């Protein structure tokens, strides 16, 4: 779900909740029982809209936690990289020297 749509989804949910309360109050003034009110198609549609909004908000919250976790891991990696910058150049220097020696040995063996 789009993280920028969070405000819109919250507005839709709030509007649906207001419609639900208004519709149920209207049906109660008409004298309908709770069972009849629950079976009303408008009420069921509004409740479905609220469930949909809740699902979308949960999806957005889940995505936000994942993004926060990614940022935290990235910062940890950068901190580790800054903490140990000396180890990586030394390893590279040793590897480069080792590769040159191997190449020189192969050339000497071919000449003999």
N, C-alpha and C. Protein backbone atom coordinates (compact mmCIF):
# COMPACT_ATOMS: atom_id res chain seq x y z
N UNK A 1 0.84 -1.18 0.00
CA UNK A 1 0.00 0.00 0.00
C UNK A 1 0.89 1.24 0.00
N UNK A 2 0.46 2.24 -0.67
CA UNK A 2 1.20 3.48 -0.77
C UNK A 2 1.23 4.18 0.59
N UNK A 3 2.41 4.49 1.07
CA UNK A 3 2.54 5.12 2.38
C UNK A 3 1.97 6.54 2.40
N UNK A 4 1.97 7.18 1.25
CA UNK A 4 1.45 8.55 1.19
C UNK A 4 -0.08 8.58 1.27
N UNK A 5 -0.72 7.44 1.05
CA UNK A 5 -2.18 7.36 1.06
C UNK A 5 -2.74 7.19 2.47
N UNK A 6 -1.89 7.17 3.46
CA UNK A 6 -2.34 6.93 4.83
C UNK A 6 -3.37 7.96 5.28
N UNK A 7 -3.13 9.23 5.00
CA UNK A 7 -4.06 10.27 5.40
C UNK A 7 -5.43 10.08 4.75
N UNK A 8 -5.42 9.71 3.47
CA UNK A 8 -6.67 9.53 2.76
C UNK A 8 -7.46 8.35 3.30
N UNK A 9 -6.77 7.27 3.60
CA UNK A 9 -7.44 6.08 4.13
C UNK A 9 -8.04 6.39 5.50
N UNK A 10 -7.30 7.15 6.32
CA UNK A 10 -7.84 7.53 7.62
C UNK A 10 -9.08 8.40 7.47
N UNK A 11 -9.07 9.30 6.50
CA UNK A 11 -10.24 10.14 6.25
C UNK A 11 -11.44 9.31 5.81
N UNK A 12 -11.19 8.33 4.93
CA UNK A 12 -12.26 7.46 4.46
C UNK A 12 -12.86 6.65 5.61
N UNK A 13 -11.98 6.18 6.48
CA UNK A 13 -12.45 5.39 7.62
C UNK A 13 -13.30 6.26 8.56
N UNK A 14 -12.84 7.46 8.81
CA UNK A 14 -13.58 8.36 9.69
C UNK A 14 -14.94 8.70 9.08
N UNK A 15 -14.98 8.97 7.78
CA UNK A 15 -16.24 9.29 7.11
C UNK A 15 -17.19 8.11 7.15
N UNK A 16 -16.65 6.90 6.96
CA UNK A 16 -17.49 5.71 6.99
C UNK A 16 -18.05 5.48 8.39
N UNK A 17 -17.25 5.74 9.41
CA UNK A 17 -17.73 5.58 10.78
C UNK A 17 -18.86 6.57 11.07
N UNK A 18 -18.72 7.78 10.57
CA UNK A 18 -19.79 8.78 10.75
C UNK A 18 -21.06 8.37 10.01
N UNK A 19 -20.91 7.85 8.79
CA UNK A 19 -22.07 7.38 8.04
C UNK A 19 -22.76 6.23 8.76
N UNK A 20 -21.94 5.33 9.32
CA UNK A 20 -22.49 4.18 10.03
C UNK A 20 -23.32 4.62 11.23
N UNK A 21 -22.79 5.53 12.01
CA UNK A 21 -23.52 5.98 13.19
C UNK A 21 -24.80 6.73 12.80
N UNK A 22 -24.71 7.53 11.73
CA UNK A 22 -25.89 8.26 11.27
C UNK A 22 -26.96 7.30 10.74
N UNK A 23 -26.53 6.33 9.95
CA UNK A 23 -27.50 5.37 9.38
C UNK A 23 -28.14 4.52 10.46
N UNK A 24 -27.35 4.03 11.41
CA UNK A 24 -27.91 3.21 12.48
C UNK A 24 -28.86 4.03 13.35
N UNK A 25 -28.54 5.29 13.60
CA UNK A 25 -29.43 6.15 14.38
C UNK A 25 -30.73 6.38 13.62
N UNK A 26 -30.64 6.57 12.31
CA UNK A 26 -31.83 6.77 11.49
C UNK A 26 -32.73 5.53 11.52
N UNK A 27 -32.11 4.35 11.42
CA UNK A 27 -32.90 3.12 11.43
C UNK A 27 -33.53 2.87 12.80
N UNK A 28 -32.84 3.27 13.86
CA UNK A 28 -33.40 3.11 15.20
C UNK A 28 -34.60 4.03 15.40
N UNK A 29 -34.53 5.24 14.84
CA UNK A 29 -35.66 6.15 14.97
C UNK A 29 -36.87 5.64 14.18
N UNK A 30 -36.60 4.84 13.13
CA UNK A 30 -37.69 4.24 12.38
C UNK A 30 -38.37 3.12 13.18
N UNK A 31 -37.68 2.61 14.20
CA UNK A 31 -38.24 1.57 15.05
C UNK A 31 -37.79 0.16 14.68
N UNK A 32 -36.70 0.02 13.94
CA UNK A 32 -36.20 -1.31 13.57
C UNK A 32 -35.41 -1.92 14.73
N UNK A 33 -35.42 -3.24 14.79
CA UNK A 33 -34.67 -3.97 15.82
C UNK A 33 -33.20 -4.08 15.39
N UNK A 34 -32.35 -4.52 16.34
CA UNK A 34 -30.91 -4.67 16.07
C UNK A 34 -30.66 -5.67 14.95
N UNK A 35 -31.39 -6.76 14.93
CA UNK A 35 -31.19 -7.78 13.89
C UNK A 35 -31.50 -7.20 12.51
N UNK A 36 -32.54 -6.42 12.41
CA UNK A 36 -32.89 -5.82 11.13
C UNK A 36 -31.87 -4.76 10.72
N UNK A 37 -31.36 -4.06 11.69
CA UNK A 37 -30.35 -3.04 11.41
C UNK A 37 -29.07 -3.69 10.90
N UNK A 38 -28.67 -4.79 11.50
CA UNK A 38 -27.46 -5.49 11.05
C UNK A 38 -27.61 -6.04 9.64
N UNK A 39 -28.82 -6.40 9.23
CA UNK A 39 -29.06 -6.96 7.91
C UNK A 39 -29.26 -5.88 6.85
N UNK A 40 -29.32 -4.65 7.25
CA UNK A 40 -29.53 -3.55 6.30
C UNK A 40 -28.36 -3.48 5.32
N UNK A 41 -28.65 -3.43 4.01
CA UNK A 41 -27.56 -3.41 3.02
C UNK A 41 -26.63 -2.20 3.16
N UNK A 42 -27.16 -1.05 3.50
CA UNK A 42 -26.31 0.15 3.66
C UNK A 42 -25.34 -0.03 4.82
N UNK A 43 -25.85 -0.59 5.91
CA UNK A 43 -25.00 -0.82 7.09
C UNK A 43 -23.89 -1.80 6.75
N UNK A 44 -24.24 -2.88 6.06
CA UNK A 44 -23.24 -3.89 5.70
C UNK A 44 -22.18 -3.30 4.77
N UNK A 45 -22.59 -2.47 3.84
CA UNK A 45 -21.64 -1.83 2.91
C UNK A 45 -20.69 -0.90 3.66
N UNK A 46 -21.23 -0.14 4.58
CA UNK A 46 -20.40 0.80 5.34
C UNK A 46 -19.41 0.04 6.22
N UNK A 47 -19.88 -1.04 6.83
CA UNK A 47 -18.97 -1.87 7.65
C UNK A 47 -17.86 -2.48 6.80
N UNK A 48 -18.20 -2.86 5.59
CA UNK A 48 -17.18 -3.40 4.67
C UNK A 48 -16.14 -2.34 4.33
N UNK A 49 -16.58 -1.11 4.14
CA UNK A 49 -15.65 -0.02 3.88
C UNK A 49 -14.71 0.20 5.06
N UNK A 50 -15.24 0.09 6.27
CA UNK A 50 -14.41 0.25 7.47
C UNK A 50 -13.39 -0.88 7.56
N UNK A 51 -13.83 -2.11 7.28
CA UNK A 51 -12.90 -3.25 7.31
C UNK A 51 -11.79 -3.07 6.27
N UNK A 52 -12.18 -2.59 5.09
CA UNK A 52 -11.20 -2.36 4.02
C UNK A 52 -10.18 -1.31 4.46
N UNK A 53 -10.65 -0.24 5.09
CA UNK A 53 -9.75 0.81 5.56
C UNK A 53 -8.82 0.28 6.64
N UNK A 54 -9.34 -0.54 7.53
CA UNK A 54 -8.51 -1.13 8.58
C UNK A 54 -7.42 -2.01 7.99
N UNK A 55 -7.78 -2.80 6.99
CA UNK A 55 -6.81 -3.65 6.32
C UNK A 55 -5.72 -2.82 5.65
N UNK A 56 -6.12 -1.75 5.00
CA UNK A 56 -5.14 -0.89 4.32
C UNK A 56 -4.23 -0.19 5.32
N UNK A 57 -4.79 0.26 6.42
CA UNK A 57 -3.97 0.91 7.45
C UNK A 57 -2.98 -0.08 8.07
N UNK A 58 -3.42 -1.31 8.25
CA UNK A 58 -2.51 -2.33 8.78
C UNK A 58 -1.37 -2.60 7.81
N UNK A 59 -1.70 -2.62 6.52
CA UNK A 59 -0.68 -2.83 5.50
C UNK A 59 0.32 -1.68 5.49
N UNK A 60 -0.18 -0.47 5.63
CA UNK A 60 0.70 0.71 5.65
C UNK A 60 1.60 0.67 6.89
N UNK A 61 1.04 0.31 8.03
CA UNK A 61 1.84 0.23 9.26
C UNK A 61 2.92 -0.84 9.14
N UNK A 62 2.58 -1.96 8.52
CA UNK A 62 3.56 -3.02 8.31
C UNK A 62 4.69 -2.54 7.41
N UNK A 63 4.36 -1.83 6.36
CA UNK A 63 5.37 -1.30 5.44
C UNK A 63 6.26 -0.27 6.14
N UNK A 64 5.68 0.54 7.00
CA UNK A 64 6.47 1.52 7.75
C UNK A 64 7.47 0.84 8.68
N UNK A 65 7.06 -0.24 9.33
CA UNK A 65 7.99 -0.95 10.22
C UNK A 65 9.12 -1.59 9.42
N UNK A 66 8.79 -2.13 8.23
CA UNK A 66 9.83 -2.70 7.38
C UNK A 66 10.83 -1.64 6.94
N UNK A 67 10.33 -0.48 6.56
CA UNK A 67 11.21 0.61 6.14
C UNK A 67 12.10 1.07 7.29
N UNK A 68 11.54 1.17 8.49
CA UNK A 68 12.33 1.57 9.65
C UNK A 68 13.41 0.54 9.95
N UNK A 69 13.09 -0.73 9.79
CA UNK A 69 14.08 -1.79 10.02
C UNK A 69 15.20 -1.72 8.99
N UNK A 70 14.85 -1.44 7.74
CA UNK A 70 15.87 -1.31 6.70
C UNK A 70 16.81 -0.14 6.99
N UNK A 71 16.26 0.96 7.43
CA UNK A 71 17.08 2.13 7.75
C UNK A 71 18.00 1.82 8.92
N UNK A 72 17.48 1.12 9.92
CA UNK A 72 18.29 0.77 11.09
C UNK A 72 19.45 -0.14 10.69
N UNK A 73 19.18 -1.12 9.84
CA UNK A 73 20.23 -2.04 9.40
C UNK A 73 21.28 -1.30 8.57
N UNK A 74 20.83 -0.39 7.72
CA UNK A 74 21.76 0.38 6.89
C UNK A 74 22.68 1.24 7.76
N UNK A 75 22.12 1.86 8.80
CA UNK A 75 22.93 2.66 9.70
C UNK A 75 23.94 1.81 10.46
N UNK A 76 23.52 0.61 10.86
CA UNK A 76 24.44 -0.29 11.55
C UNK A 76 25.61 -0.67 10.64
N UNK A 77 25.32 -0.96 9.38
CA UNK A 77 26.38 -1.34 8.45
C UNK A 77 27.35 -0.19 8.22
N UNK A 78 26.82 1.03 8.12
CA UNK A 78 27.69 2.19 7.95
C UNK A 78 28.56 2.40 9.18
N UNK A 79 28.00 2.19 10.36
CA UNK A 79 28.76 2.35 11.60
C UNK A 79 29.86 1.30 11.68
N UNK A 80 29.57 0.09 11.27
CA UNK A 80 30.58 -0.97 11.27
C UNK A 80 31.69 -0.66 10.27
N UNK A 81 31.31 -0.12 9.15
CA UNK A 81 32.28 0.20 8.12
C UNK A 81 33.23 1.32 8.59
N UNK A 82 32.66 2.31 9.30
CA UNK A 82 33.49 3.39 9.81
C UNK A 82 34.36 2.94 10.97
N UNK A 83 33.89 1.99 11.74
CA UNK A 83 34.62 1.52 12.91
C UNK A 83 35.86 0.72 12.52
N UNK A 84 35.82 -0.01 11.42
CA UNK A 84 36.94 -0.86 11.03
C UNK A 84 37.38 -0.57 9.60
N UNK A 85 37.86 0.65 9.31
CA UNK A 85 38.29 0.93 7.94
C UNK A 85 39.69 0.40 7.65
N UNK A 86 40.51 0.11 8.69
CA UNK A 86 41.89 -0.30 8.47
C UNK A 86 42.00 -1.75 8.03
N UNK A 87 41.10 -2.59 8.39
CA UNK A 87 41.19 -4.00 8.07
C UNK A 87 41.01 -4.27 6.58
N UNK A 88 40.13 -3.61 5.95
CA UNK A 88 39.87 -3.89 4.55
C UNK A 88 41.03 -3.52 3.63
N UNK A 89 41.71 -2.37 3.78
CA UNK A 89 42.83 -2.09 2.89
C UNK A 89 43.99 -3.06 3.08
N UNK A 90 44.24 -3.50 4.31
CA UNK A 90 45.33 -4.44 4.53
C UNK A 90 45.04 -5.77 3.86
N UNK A 91 43.84 -6.23 3.91
CA UNK A 91 43.50 -7.49 3.26
C UNK A 91 43.65 -7.37 1.76
N UNK A 92 43.25 -6.26 1.22
CA UNK A 92 43.36 -6.07 -0.21
C UNK A 92 44.83 -6.06 -0.65
N UNK A 93 45.65 -5.42 0.14
CA UNK A 93 47.07 -5.35 -0.21
C UNK A 93 47.69 -6.75 -0.19
N UNK A 94 47.33 -7.55 0.80
CA UNK A 94 47.87 -8.91 0.87
C UNK A 94 47.38 -9.74 -0.31
N UNK A 95 46.14 -9.62 -0.66
CA UNK A 95 45.59 -10.39 -1.78
C UNK A 95 46.25 -10.00 -3.09
N UNK A 96 46.46 -8.72 -3.30
CA UNK A 96 47.08 -8.27 -4.54
C UNK A 96 48.51 -8.79 -4.64
N UNK A 97 49.23 -8.76 -3.53
CA UNK A 97 50.60 -9.28 -3.55
C UNK A 97 50.62 -10.77 -3.82
N UNK A 98 49.69 -11.49 -3.25
CA UNK A 98 49.61 -12.93 -3.46
C UNK A 98 49.28 -13.27 -4.89
N UNK A 99 48.47 -12.51 -5.53
CA UNK A 99 48.10 -12.77 -6.91
C UNK A 99 49.29 -12.52 -7.84
N UNK A 100 50.07 -11.52 -7.55
CA UNK A 100 51.23 -11.23 -8.40
C UNK A 100 52.25 -12.36 -8.30
N UNK A 101 52.45 -12.88 -7.09
CA UNK A 101 53.42 -13.97 -6.92
C UNK A 101 52.98 -15.20 -7.69
N UNK A 102 51.69 -15.50 -7.68
CA UNK A 102 51.20 -16.67 -8.39
C UNK A 102 51.43 -16.51 -9.88
N UNK A 103 51.19 -15.33 -10.41
CA UNK A 103 51.39 -15.10 -11.83
C UNK A 103 52.86 -15.24 -12.21
N UNK A 104 53.75 -14.74 -11.35
CA UNK A 104 55.18 -14.83 -11.64
C UNK A 104 55.64 -16.28 -11.61
N UNK A 105 55.12 -17.07 -10.68
CA UNK A 105 55.49 -18.48 -10.60
C UNK A 105 55.06 -19.23 -11.85
N UNK A 106 53.87 -18.92 -12.34
CA UNK A 106 53.36 -19.61 -13.54
C UNK A 106 54.22 -19.26 -14.75
N UNK A 107 54.67 -18.01 -14.83
CA UNK A 107 55.51 -17.60 -15.96
C UNK A 107 56.86 -18.32 -15.91
N UNK A 108 57.45 -18.46 -14.71
CA UNK A 108 58.74 -19.13 -14.56
C UNK A 108 58.62 -20.61 -14.93
N UNK A 109 57.51 -21.24 -14.56
CA UNK A 109 57.32 -22.65 -14.86
C UNK A 109 57.19 -22.86 -16.35
N UNK A 110 56.57 -21.97 -17.06
CA UNK A 110 56.40 -22.11 -18.50
C UNK A 110 57.73 -21.98 -19.24
N UNK A 111 58.63 -21.12 -18.73
CA UNK A 111 59.92 -20.92 -19.38
C UNK A 111 60.82 -22.13 -19.22
N UNK A 112 60.71 -22.83 -18.14
CA UNK A 112 61.61 -23.95 -17.87
C UNK A 112 61.31 -25.18 -18.65
